[in-house]
């Protein structure tokens, strides 16, 4: 399982729910050596209330482990923030794949992750978020219960126990 597989599965899931969804191709090897950088991984256009949704994805695999937002590049944060400031729905998607057990993703608010730059989201916090229903299944048998509005409603803006109000926007 790779991030490329995660992106493919996300795009397939979004397309199954009436979205026009696209993965921005990774630059070729020759381009990597020049200045070409992808602003984010993909986007989807859903019917209202979600409308346009833009994302950068990261993957943890084999077990739930801490996630450090420094894995998201500065230019990716900047691109997502620009879209958010202009009214678009954006998220950093954290996928988790545990072979033969589980496969899901969570949505993190860009500003929330920027405030935590350099501070990992601990394993115990990710597990707590799962137990509170913030993870969205990518297992084939569960795909029929996905709701596009979750891309907005389940956006994580705080960790359990933080005193800045609701986890939701």
C-alpha atoms as a PDB file:
ATOM      1  CA  UNK A   1       0.000   0.000   0.000  1.00  0.00           C
ATOM      2  CA  UNK A   2       1.321   3.413  -0.965  1.00  0.00           C
ATOM      3  CA  UNK A   3       0.072   6.988  -0.922  1.00  0.00           C
ATOM      4  CA  UNK A   4      -0.616   6.558  -4.632  1.00  0.00           C
ATOM      5  CA  UNK A   5      -2.987   3.669  -3.790  1.00  0.00           C
ATOM      6  CA  UNK A   6      -4.677   5.782  -1.116  1.00  0.00           C
ATOM      7  CA  UNK A   7      -5.240   8.607  -3.604  1.00  0.00           C
ATOM      8  CA  UNK A   8      -6.649   6.175  -6.173  1.00  0.00           C
ATOM      9  CA  UNK A   9      -9.070   4.774  -3.590  1.00  0.00           C
ATOM     10  CA  UNK A  10     -10.147   8.259  -2.456  1.00  0.00           C
ATOM     11  CA  UNK A  11     -10.799   9.388  -6.045  1.00  0.00           C
ATOM     12  CA  UNK A  12     -12.744   6.162  -6.735  1.00  0.00           C
ATOM     13  CA  UNK A  13     -14.824   6.676  -3.588  1.00  0.00           C
ATOM     14  CA  UNK A  14     -15.571  10.302  -4.470  1.00  0.00           C
ATOM     15  CA  UNK A  15     -16.566   9.360  -8.047  1.00  0.00           C
ATOM     16  CA  UNK A  16     -18.956   6.745  -6.680  1.00  0.00           C
ATOM     17  CA  UNK A  17     -20.847   9.623  -5.046  1.00  0.00           C
ATOM     18  CA  UNK A  18     -21.516  11.821  -8.075  1.00  0.00           C
ATOM     19  CA  UNK A  19     -18.250  13.768  -7.870  1.00  0.00           C
ATOM     20  CA  UNK A  20     -15.951  14.747 -10.660  1.00  0.00           C
ATOM     21  CA  UNK A  21     -12.707  13.795  -8.928  1.00  0.00           C
ATOM     22  CA  UNK A  22      -9.121  14.008 -10.089  1.00  0.00           C
ATOM     23  CA  UNK A  23      -5.674  13.127  -8.825  1.00  0.00           C
ATOM     24  CA  UNK A  24      -2.971  15.590  -9.782  1.00  0.00           C
ATOM     25  CA  UNK A  25      -0.278  13.461 -11.426  1.00  0.00           C
ATOM     26  CA  UNK A  26       3.029  13.138  -9.656  1.00  0.00           C
ATOM     27  CA  UNK A  27       5.836  14.862 -11.536  1.00  0.00           C
ATOM     28  CA  UNK A  28       8.085  12.619 -13.601  1.00  0.00           C
ATOM     29  CA  UNK A  29      11.609  11.846 -12.424  1.00  0.00           C
ATOM     30  CA  UNK A  30      13.124  14.441 -14.768  1.00  0.00           C
ATOM     31  CA  UNK A  31      10.726  17.065 -13.431  1.00  0.00           C
ATOM     32  CA  UNK A  32      11.550  16.277  -9.809  1.00  0.00           C
ATOM     33  CA  UNK A  33      15.063  17.549 -10.401  1.00  0.00           C
ATOM     34  CA  UNK A  34      13.707  20.911 -11.594  1.00  0.00           C
ATOM     35  CA  UNK A  35      11.452  23.294  -9.668  1.00  0.00           C
ATOM     36  CA  UNK A  36       8.101  21.608 -10.405  1.00  0.00           C
ATOM     37  CA  UNK A  37       6.035  20.925  -7.281  1.00  0.00           C
ATOM     38  CA  UNK A  38       2.483  19.644  -6.897  1.00  0.00           C
ATOM     39  CA  UNK A  39       0.334  22.058  -4.888  1.00  0.00           C
ATOM     40  CA  UNK A  40      -1.756  19.172  -3.435  1.00  0.00           C
ATOM     41  CA  UNK A  41      -2.831  15.615  -4.335  1.00  0.00           C
ATOM     42  CA  UNK A  42      -6.305  16.025  -5.755  1.00  0.00           C
ATOM     43  CA  UNK A  43      -9.700  17.642  -5.879  1.00  0.00           C
ATOM     44  CA  UNK A  44     -13.342  16.728  -6.321  1.00  0.00           C
ATOM     45  CA  UNK A  45     -16.457  18.627  -7.320  1.00  0.00           C
ATOM     46  CA  UNK A  46     -19.507  17.329  -5.441  1.00  0.00           C
ATOM     47  CA  UNK A  47     -23.116  18.458  -5.540  1.00  0.00           C
ATOM     48  CA  UNK A  48     -23.989  20.940  -2.713  1.00  0.00           C
ATOM     49  CA  UNK A  49     -23.396  21.284   0.218  1.00  0.00           C
ATOM     50  CA  UNK A  50     -19.776  20.159  -0.301  1.00  0.00           C
ATOM     51  CA  UNK A  51     -19.162  21.630  -3.767  1.00  0.00           C
ATOM     52  CA  UNK A  52     -15.400  21.817  -4.410  1.00  0.00           C
ATOM     53  CA  UNK A  53     -13.074  19.820  -2.155  1.00  0.00           C
ATOM     54  CA  UNK A  54      -9.254  19.959  -2.377  1.00  0.00           C
ATOM     55  CA  UNK A  55      -6.859  17.677  -0.491  1.00  0.00           C
ATOM     56  CA  UNK A  56      -3.330  16.599   0.280  1.00  0.00           C
ATOM     57  CA  UNK A  57      -3.035  13.033   1.542  1.00  0.00           C
ATOM     58  CA  UNK A  58      -0.574  11.213   3.765  1.00  0.00           C
ATOM     59  CA  UNK A  59      -0.528   7.542   4.714  1.00  0.00           C
ATOM     60  CA  UNK A  60       0.376   5.640   7.854  1.00  0.00           C
ATOM     61  CA  UNK A  61       0.494   1.889   7.550  1.00  0.00           C
ATOM     62  CA  UNK A  62       0.763  -1.363   9.454  1.00  0.00           C
ATOM     63  CA  UNK A  63      -0.415   0.231  12.737  1.00  0.00           C
ATOM     64  CA  UNK A  64      -1.874   3.468  14.026  1.00  0.00           C
ATOM     65  CA  UNK A  65       1.116   5.664  14.791  1.00  0.00           C
ATOM     66  CA  UNK A  66       1.818   9.332  15.485  1.00  0.00           C
ATOM     67  CA  UNK A  67       1.451  11.788  12.588  1.00  0.00           C
ATOM     68  CA  UNK A  68       3.699  14.819  12.198  1.00  0.00           C
ATOM     69  CA  UNK A  69       2.305  17.642  10.058  1.00  0.00           C
ATOM     70  CA  UNK A  70       5.839  18.397   8.830  1.00  0.00           C
ATOM     71  CA  UNK A  71       5.198  15.619   6.320  1.00  0.00           C
ATOM     72  CA  UNK A  72       3.078  18.208   4.488  1.00  0.00           C
ATOM     73  CA  UNK A  73       5.324  20.529   2.456  1.00  0.00           C
ATOM     74  CA  UNK A  74       5.167  24.311   2.940  1.00  0.00           C
ATOM     75  CA  UNK A  75       4.012  24.902  -0.659  1.00  0.00           C
ATOM     76  CA  UNK A  76       1.177  22.371  -0.135  1.00  0.00           C
ATOM     77  CA  UNK A  77      -0.007  24.164   3.010  1.00  0.00           C
ATOM     78  CA  UNK A  78       0.199  27.491   1.143  1.00  0.00           C
ATOM     79  CA  UNK A  79      -1.867  26.209  -1.808  1.00  0.00           C
ATOM     80  CA  UNK A  80      -4.543  24.703   0.455  1.00  0.00           C
ATOM     81  CA  UNK A  81      -4.708  27.835   2.605  1.00  0.00           C
ATOM     82  CA  UNK A  82      -5.168  30.002  -0.485  1.00  0.00           C
ATOM     83  CA  UNK A  83      -8.099  27.856  -1.629  1.00  0.00           C
ATOM     84  CA  UNK A  84      -9.620  27.882   1.869  1.00  0.00           C
ATOM     85  CA  UNK A  85      -9.336  31.676   2.113  1.00  0.00           C
ATOM     86  CA  UNK A  86     -11.253  31.881  -1.171  1.00  0.00           C
ATOM     87  CA  UNK A  87     -14.119  29.749   0.130  1.00  0.00           C
ATOM     88  CA  UNK A  88     -13.052  26.255  -0.915  1.00  0.00           C
ATOM     89  CA  UNK A  89     -13.297  23.172   1.291  1.00  0.00           C
ATOM     90  CA  UNK A  90      -9.808  21.772   1.951  1.00  0.00           C
ATOM     91  CA  UNK A  91      -8.253  19.109   4.150  1.00  0.00           C
ATOM     92  CA  UNK A  92      -5.122  17.144   4.804  1.00  0.00           C
ATOM     93  CA  UNK A  93      -6.285  13.550   4.603  1.00  0.00           C
ATOM     94  CA  UNK A  94      -4.531  11.046   6.830  1.00  0.00           C
ATOM     95  CA  UNK A  95      -5.102   7.511   5.608  1.00  0.00           C
ATOM     96  CA  UNK A  96      -4.411   4.464   7.749  1.00  0.00           C
ATOM     97  CA  UNK A  97      -3.952   1.001   6.290  1.00  0.00           C
ATOM     98  CA  UNK A  98      -3.500  -2.024   8.539  1.00  0.00           C
ATOM     99  CA  UNK A  99      -3.246  -5.161   6.374  1.00  0.00           C
ATOM    100  CA  UNK A 100      -6.197  -7.563   6.688  1.00  0.00           C
ATOM    101  CA  UNK A 101      -7.662  -5.434   9.511  1.00  0.00           C
ATOM    102  CA  UNK A 102      -8.549  -1.854   8.742  1.00  0.00           C
ATOM    103  CA  UNK A 103      -8.437   0.891   6.120  1.00  0.00           C
ATOM    104  CA  UNK A 104      -9.775   4.389   6.802  1.00  0.00           C
ATOM    105  CA  UNK A 105      -9.053   8.101   6.576  1.00  0.00           C
ATOM    106  CA  UNK A 106      -9.435  11.266   8.682  1.00  0.00           C
ATOM    107  CA  UNK A 107      -9.676  14.888   7.614  1.00  0.00           C
ATOM    108  CA  UNK A 108      -7.541  17.542   9.286  1.00  0.00           C
ATOM    109  CA  UNK A 109      -8.041  21.292   8.998  1.00  0.00           C
ATOM    110  CA  UNK A 110      -5.065  23.017   7.361  1.00  0.00           C
ATOM    111  CA  UNK A 111      -4.899  25.852   9.935  1.00  0.00           C
ATOM    112  CA  UNK A 112      -5.072  23.358  12.810  1.00  0.00           C
ATOM    113  CA  UNK A 113      -2.061  21.464  11.425  1.00  0.00           C
ATOM    114  CA  UNK A 114      -0.107  24.652  10.752  1.00  0.00           C
ATOM    115  CA  UNK A 115      -0.542  25.702  14.396  1.00  0.00           C
ATOM    116  CA  UNK A 116       0.895  22.316  15.389  1.00  0.00           C
ATOM    117  CA  UNK A 117       3.839  22.513  12.955  1.00  0.00           C
ATOM    118  CA  UNK A 118       6.552  20.247  14.305  1.00  0.00           C
ATOM    119  CA  UNK A 119       4.296  18.706  16.977  1.00  0.00           C
ATOM    120  CA  UNK A 120       3.100  15.186  16.258  1.00  0.00           C
ATOM    121  CA  UNK A 121      -0.481  14.115  16.699  1.00  0.00           C
ATOM    122  CA  UNK A 122       0.019  11.268  19.117  1.00  0.00           C
ATOM    123  CA  UNK A 123      -1.100   7.706  18.565  1.00  0.00           C
ATOM    124  CA  UNK A 124      -3.455   7.935  21.565  1.00  0.00           C
ATOM    125  CA  UNK A 125      -5.148  11.009  20.043  1.00  0.00           C
ATOM    126  CA  UNK A 126      -5.659   9.260  16.696  1.00  0.00           C
ATOM    127  CA  UNK A 127      -7.152   6.260  18.511  1.00  0.00           C
ATOM    128  CA  UNK A 128      -9.443   8.601  20.503  1.00  0.00           C
ATOM    129  CA  UNK A 129     -10.569  10.301  17.288  1.00  0.00           C
ATOM    130  CA  UNK A 130     -11.362   6.871  15.816  1.00  0.00           C
ATOM    131  CA  UNK A 131     -13.415   5.921  18.870  1.00  0.00           C
ATOM    132  CA  UNK A 132     -15.351   9.203  18.457  1.00  0.00           C
ATOM    133  CA  UNK A 133     -16.210   8.368  14.845  1.00  0.00           C
ATOM    134  CA  UNK A 134     -13.894  10.725  12.963  1.00  0.00           C
ATOM    135  CA  UNK A 135     -12.429   8.000  10.777  1.00  0.00           C
ATOM    136  CA  UNK A 136     -14.173   7.230   7.477  1.00  0.00           C
ATOM    137  CA  UNK A 137     -13.891   3.675   6.223  1.00  0.00           C
ATOM    138  CA  UNK A 138     -12.289   2.804   2.905  1.00  0.00           C
ATOM    139  CA  UNK A 139     -12.981  -0.911   3.205  1.00  0.00           C
ATOM    140  CA  UNK A 140     -14.979  -2.094   0.186  1.00  0.00           C
ATOM    141  CA  UNK A 141     -17.772  -3.538   2.296  1.00  0.00           C
ATOM    142  CA  UNK A 142     -18.266  -0.200   4.069  1.00  0.00           C
ATOM    143  CA  UNK A 143     -18.099   2.047   0.991  1.00  0.00           C
ATOM    144  CA  UNK A 144     -21.885   2.148   0.664  1.00  0.00           C
ATOM    145  CA  UNK A 145     -22.201   4.175   3.877  1.00  0.00           C
ATOM    146  CA  UNK A 146     -19.981   7.101   2.860  1.00  0.00           C
ATOM    147  CA  UNK A 147     -21.644  10.526   2.840  1.00  0.00           C
ATOM    148  CA  UNK A 148     -19.949  13.387   0.926  1.00  0.00           C
ATOM    149  CA  UNK A 149     -21.042  15.915   3.568  1.00  0.00           C
ATOM    150  CA  UNK A 150     -18.685  14.148   6.015  1.00  0.00           C
ATOM    151  CA  UNK A 151     -15.830  15.848   4.123  1.00  0.00           C
ATOM    152  CA  UNK A 152     -17.030  19.066   5.756  1.00  0.00           C
ATOM    153  CA  UNK A 153     -18.684  17.762   8.935  1.00  0.00           C
ATOM    154  CA  UNK A 154     -15.826  15.529  10.129  1.00  0.00           C
ATOM    155  CA  UNK A 155     -13.049  18.066   9.602  1.00  0.00           C
ATOM    156  CA  UNK A 156     -10.828  17.905  12.701  1.00  0.00           C
ATOM    157  CA  UNK A 157      -9.940  21.326  14.136  1.00  0.00           C
ATOM    158  CA  UNK A 158      -8.924  20.227  17.665  1.00  0.00           C
ATOM    159  CA  UNK A 159      -7.822  17.124  19.516  1.00  0.00           C
ATOM    160  CA  UNK A 160      -9.862  15.414  22.231  1.00  0.00           C
ATOM    161  CA  UNK A 161      -9.470  17.370  25.465  1.00  0.00           C
ATOM    162  CA  UNK A 162      -8.324  20.615  23.856  1.00  0.00           C
ATOM    163  CA  UNK A 163     -10.318  23.574  25.128  1.00  0.00           C
ATOM    164  CA  UNK A 164     -10.967  25.431  21.877  1.00  0.00           C
ATOM    165  CA  UNK A 165     -14.498  24.134  21.506  1.00  0.00           C
ATOM    166  CA  UNK A 166     -15.855  21.526  19.188  1.00  0.00           C
ATOM    167  CA  UNK A 167     -13.732  19.253  17.020  1.00  0.00           C
ATOM    168  CA  UNK A 168     -15.907  20.425  14.151  1.00  0.00           C
ATOM    169  CA  UNK A 169     -15.499  23.731  12.363  1.00  0.00           C
END
